[in-house]
Amino acid sequence: MRQWQQALDSLDAGQDIAWREGRRAPWLFIELDEDDDRCQITIKDYSMSLTTVTVTVPLADAWFDDAYRRLDLVWETWSMTED
């Protein structure tokens, strides 16, 4: 979850992100559209289905508030430390 927190922080700072790239699990790429409040999300599953899906979605500030709230709930529920 620490890696997701770092990716979320980077995205919130206006940077494109890649999460779980190079692992034996689906990869997530989010590219921000500079002209709009939208982003292009790509999920690649190289290990199982060999499928790639890309969608463009709106990315409002409220999305970040919700994402951080949900992340906080995960940290609280599983009492994870930041080691």
N, C-alpha and C. Protein backbone atom coordinates (compact mmCIF):
# COMPACT_ATOMS: atom_id res chain seq x y z
N MET A 1 0.82 -1.20 0.00
CA MET A 1 0.00 0.00 0.00
C MET A 1 0.87 1.26 0.00
N ARG A 2 2.08 1.12 0.53
CA ARG A 2 2.99 2.26 0.53
C ARG A 2 3.27 2.73 -0.90
N GLN A 3 3.43 1.76 -1.81
CA GLN A 3 3.71 2.12 -3.21
C GLN A 3 2.51 2.81 -3.84
N TRP A 4 1.29 2.38 -3.49
CA TRP A 4 0.10 3.05 -4.01
C TRP A 4 0.02 4.47 -3.47
N GLN A 5 0.36 4.65 -2.19
CA GLN A 5 0.35 6.00 -1.60
C GLN A 5 1.32 6.91 -2.36
N GLN A 6 2.51 6.40 -2.68
CA GLN A 6 3.49 7.19 -3.43
C GLN A 6 2.98 7.51 -4.83
N ALA A 7 2.36 6.53 -5.47
CA ALA A 7 1.80 6.76 -6.81
C ALA A 7 0.69 7.80 -6.75
N LEU A 8 -0.17 7.69 -5.76
CA LEU A 8 -1.28 8.64 -5.60
C LEU A 8 -0.75 10.05 -5.35
N ASP A 9 0.28 10.16 -4.51
CA ASP A 9 0.90 11.47 -4.25
C ASP A 9 1.48 12.07 -5.53
N SER A 10 2.14 11.24 -6.34
CA SER A 10 2.71 11.72 -7.60
C SER A 10 1.62 12.19 -8.56
N LEU A 11 0.58 11.41 -8.65
CA LEU A 11 -0.54 11.77 -9.52
C LEU A 11 -1.19 13.07 -9.06
N ASP A 12 -1.37 13.21 -7.76
CA ASP A 12 -1.96 14.43 -7.19
C ASP A 12 -1.07 15.64 -7.45
N ALA A 13 0.24 15.42 -7.60
CA ALA A 13 1.19 16.50 -7.89
C ALA A 13 1.28 16.80 -9.39
N GLY A 14 0.48 16.09 -10.20
CA GLY A 14 0.44 16.38 -11.63
C GLY A 14 1.36 15.53 -12.48
N GLN A 15 1.87 14.43 -11.93
CA GLN A 15 2.76 13.55 -12.68
C GLN A 15 2.02 12.30 -13.14
N ASP A 16 2.40 11.79 -14.29
CA ASP A 16 1.88 10.50 -14.75
C ASP A 16 2.45 9.42 -13.83
N ILE A 17 1.73 8.30 -13.72
CA ILE A 17 2.22 7.24 -12.84
C ILE A 17 2.16 5.88 -13.53
N ALA A 18 3.00 5.00 -13.03
CA ALA A 18 2.95 3.58 -13.38
C ALA A 18 3.00 2.84 -12.05
N TRP A 19 2.05 1.96 -11.82
CA TRP A 19 1.98 1.23 -10.56
C TRP A 19 2.02 -0.27 -10.84
N ARG A 20 2.89 -0.95 -10.16
CA ARG A 20 3.08 -2.40 -10.26
C ARG A 20 3.70 -2.81 -11.59
N GLU A 21 4.31 -1.89 -12.27
CA GLU A 21 4.96 -2.20 -13.55
C GLU A 21 6.09 -3.20 -13.32
N GLY A 22 6.14 -4.20 -14.18
CA GLY A 22 7.19 -5.20 -14.10
C GLY A 22 6.94 -6.33 -13.12
N ARG A 23 5.77 -6.34 -12.50
CA ARG A 23 5.45 -7.41 -11.55
C ARG A 23 4.54 -8.44 -12.19
N ARG A 24 4.39 -9.56 -11.54
CA ARG A 24 3.53 -10.63 -12.06
C ARG A 24 2.08 -10.38 -11.63
N ALA A 25 1.58 -9.23 -11.99
CA ALA A 25 0.21 -8.81 -11.68
C ALA A 25 -0.14 -7.74 -12.71
N PRO A 26 -1.41 -7.40 -12.84
CA PRO A 26 -1.77 -6.33 -13.78
C PRO A 26 -1.05 -5.02 -13.43
N TRP A 27 -0.64 -4.31 -14.46
CA TRP A 27 0.03 -3.02 -14.31
C TRP A 27 -0.99 -1.92 -14.54
N LEU A 28 -0.82 -0.80 -13.86
CA LEU A 28 -1.70 0.35 -13.98
C LEU A 28 -0.88 1.56 -14.40
N PHE A 29 -1.29 2.21 -15.49
CA PHE A 29 -0.66 3.43 -15.96
C PHE A 29 -1.73 4.52 -16.00
N ILE A 30 -1.41 5.68 -15.47
CA ILE A 30 -2.32 6.82 -15.55
C ILE A 30 -1.55 8.00 -16.12
N GLU A 31 -2.04 8.50 -17.25
CA GLU A 31 -1.44 9.66 -17.90
C GLU A 31 -2.44 10.81 -17.85
N LEU A 32 -1.98 11.92 -17.32
CA LEU A 32 -2.84 13.10 -17.20
C LEU A 32 -2.91 13.85 -18.52
N ASP A 33 -4.08 14.39 -18.83
CA ASP A 33 -4.28 15.23 -20.01
C ASP A 33 -4.07 16.67 -19.57
N GLU A 34 -3.04 17.31 -20.07
CA GLU A 34 -2.71 18.67 -19.63
C GLU A 34 -3.77 19.70 -19.98
N ASP A 35 -4.53 19.47 -21.05
CA ASP A 35 -5.53 20.44 -21.50
C ASP A 35 -6.88 20.29 -20.80
N ASP A 36 -7.04 19.24 -20.06
CA ASP A 36 -8.35 18.89 -19.54
C ASP A 36 -8.23 18.35 -18.13
N ASP A 37 -9.36 18.15 -17.49
CA ASP A 37 -9.39 17.46 -16.20
C ASP A 37 -9.72 16.00 -16.43
N ARG A 38 -8.99 15.41 -17.36
CA ARG A 38 -9.20 14.00 -17.69
C ARG A 38 -7.86 13.28 -17.62
N CYS A 39 -7.95 11.97 -17.60
CA CYS A 39 -6.74 11.17 -17.66
C CYS A 39 -7.01 9.92 -18.49
N GLN A 40 -5.94 9.35 -18.97
CA GLN A 40 -6.02 8.11 -19.74
C GLN A 40 -5.48 7.01 -18.83
N ILE A 41 -6.30 6.02 -18.57
CA ILE A 41 -5.92 4.91 -17.70
C ILE A 41 -5.74 3.66 -18.54
N THR A 42 -4.59 3.03 -18.37
CA THR A 42 -4.31 1.79 -19.09
C THR A 42 -3.98 0.70 -18.07
N ILE A 43 -4.62 -0.44 -18.22
CA ILE A 43 -4.33 -1.60 -17.40
C ILE A 43 -3.83 -2.69 -18.33
N LYS A 44 -2.65 -3.22 -17.99
CA LYS A 44 -2.05 -4.27 -18.81
C LYS A 44 -1.91 -5.52 -17.95
N ASP A 45 -2.40 -6.63 -18.47
CA ASP A 45 -2.28 -7.90 -17.77
C ASP A 45 -1.43 -8.83 -18.63
N TYR A 46 -0.12 -8.80 -18.41
CA TYR A 46 0.80 -9.61 -19.18
C TYR A 46 0.91 -11.04 -18.66
N SER A 47 0.53 -11.25 -17.40
CA SER A 47 0.78 -12.55 -16.79
C SER A 47 -0.35 -13.56 -16.99
N MET A 48 -1.59 -13.12 -17.12
CA MET A 48 -2.70 -14.07 -17.22
C MET A 48 -3.46 -13.97 -18.54
N SER A 49 -4.18 -12.89 -18.72
CA SER A 49 -5.08 -12.78 -19.87
C SER A 49 -4.41 -12.19 -21.12
N LEU A 50 -3.24 -11.60 -20.94
CA LEU A 50 -2.53 -10.94 -22.04
C LEU A 50 -3.39 -9.84 -22.67
N THR A 51 -4.14 -9.14 -21.83
CA THR A 51 -5.08 -8.12 -22.27
C THR A 51 -4.61 -6.73 -21.83
N THR A 52 -4.88 -5.75 -22.68
CA THR A 52 -4.63 -4.35 -22.34
C THR A 52 -5.91 -3.57 -22.59
N VAL A 53 -6.27 -2.75 -21.61
CA VAL A 53 -7.48 -1.92 -21.73
C VAL A 53 -7.09 -0.48 -21.42
N THR A 54 -7.56 0.45 -22.27
CA THR A 54 -7.31 1.87 -22.05
C THR A 54 -8.63 2.62 -22.11
N VAL A 55 -8.85 3.47 -21.12
CA VAL A 55 -10.05 4.31 -21.09
C VAL A 55 -9.64 5.73 -20.71
N THR A 56 -10.44 6.69 -21.15
CA THR A 56 -10.26 8.08 -20.75
C THR A 56 -11.39 8.44 -19.81
N VAL A 57 -11.03 9.01 -18.66
CA VAL A 57 -12.04 9.32 -17.64
C VAL A 57 -11.79 10.72 -17.08
N PRO A 58 -12.84 11.36 -16.55
CA PRO A 58 -12.64 12.64 -15.87
C PRO A 58 -11.90 12.42 -14.55
N LEU A 59 -11.11 13.38 -14.16
CA LEU A 59 -10.35 13.27 -12.92
C LEU A 59 -10.52 14.56 -12.13
N ALA A 60 -11.57 14.61 -11.33
CA ALA A 60 -11.89 15.79 -10.53
C ALA A 60 -11.12 15.75 -9.22
N ASP A 61 -10.95 16.92 -8.60
CA ASP A 61 -10.28 16.99 -7.30
C ASP A 61 -10.95 16.10 -6.26
N ALA A 62 -12.26 15.97 -6.35
CA ALA A 62 -12.99 15.13 -5.40
C ALA A 62 -12.54 13.68 -5.47
N TRP A 63 -12.07 13.25 -6.64
CA TRP A 63 -11.58 11.88 -6.78
C TRP A 63 -10.39 11.65 -5.86
N PHE A 64 -9.49 12.63 -5.79
CA PHE A 64 -8.32 12.51 -4.92
C PHE A 64 -8.73 12.44 -3.45
N ASP A 65 -9.69 13.28 -3.07
CA ASP A 65 -10.17 13.25 -1.69
C ASP A 65 -10.70 11.86 -1.34
N ASP A 66 -11.47 11.29 -2.24
CA ASP A 66 -12.04 9.96 -2.02
C ASP A 66 -10.95 8.89 -2.00
N ALA A 67 -9.98 8.98 -2.91
CA ALA A 67 -8.90 7.99 -2.96
C ALA A 67 -8.07 8.02 -1.68
N TYR A 68 -7.75 9.21 -1.18
CA TYR A 68 -7.00 9.30 0.07
C TYR A 68 -7.82 8.81 1.26
N ARG A 69 -9.12 9.10 1.26
CA ARG A 69 -9.99 8.62 2.34
C ARG A 69 -10.01 7.10 2.37
N ARG A 70 -10.16 6.49 1.20
CA ARG A 70 -10.18 5.03 1.11
C ARG A 70 -8.84 4.42 1.52
N LEU A 71 -7.76 5.06 1.12
CA LEU A 71 -6.44 4.57 1.52
C LEU A 71 -6.27 4.65 3.03
N ASP A 72 -6.72 5.74 3.63
CA ASP A 72 -6.66 5.86 5.09
C ASP A 72 -7.45 4.74 5.76
N LEU A 73 -8.60 4.39 5.21
CA LEU A 73 -9.39 3.29 5.77
C LEU A 73 -8.65 1.96 5.70
N VAL A 74 -7.93 1.74 4.61
CA VAL A 74 -7.13 0.51 4.49
C VAL A 74 -6.04 0.50 5.54
N TRP A 75 -5.32 1.61 5.71
CA TRP A 75 -4.27 1.68 6.73
C TRP A 75 -4.85 1.41 8.11
N GLU A 76 -6.00 1.99 8.41
CA GLU A 76 -6.63 1.80 9.73
C GLU A 76 -7.10 0.36 9.92
N THR A 77 -7.70 -0.22 8.89
CA THR A 77 -8.27 -1.56 9.00
C THR A 77 -7.20 -2.61 9.23
N TRP A 78 -6.10 -2.52 8.52
CA TRP A 78 -5.07 -3.55 8.63
C TRP A 78 -3.89 -3.12 9.48
N SER A 79 -4.00 -1.96 10.13
CA SER A 79 -2.96 -1.47 11.05
C SER A 79 -1.56 -1.65 10.47
N MET A 80 -1.39 -1.26 9.24
CA MET A 80 -0.08 -1.39 8.59
C MET A 80 0.84 -0.28 9.07
N THR A 81 2.11 -0.61 9.18
CA THR A 81 3.09 0.40 9.57
C THR A 81 3.79 0.91 8.32
N GLU A 82 4.50 2.00 8.46
CA GLU A 82 5.18 2.61 7.32
C GLU A 82 6.65 2.18 7.26
N ASP A 83 7.02 1.03 7.76
CA ASP A 83 8.41 0.53 7.71
C ASP A 83 8.86 0.36 6.30
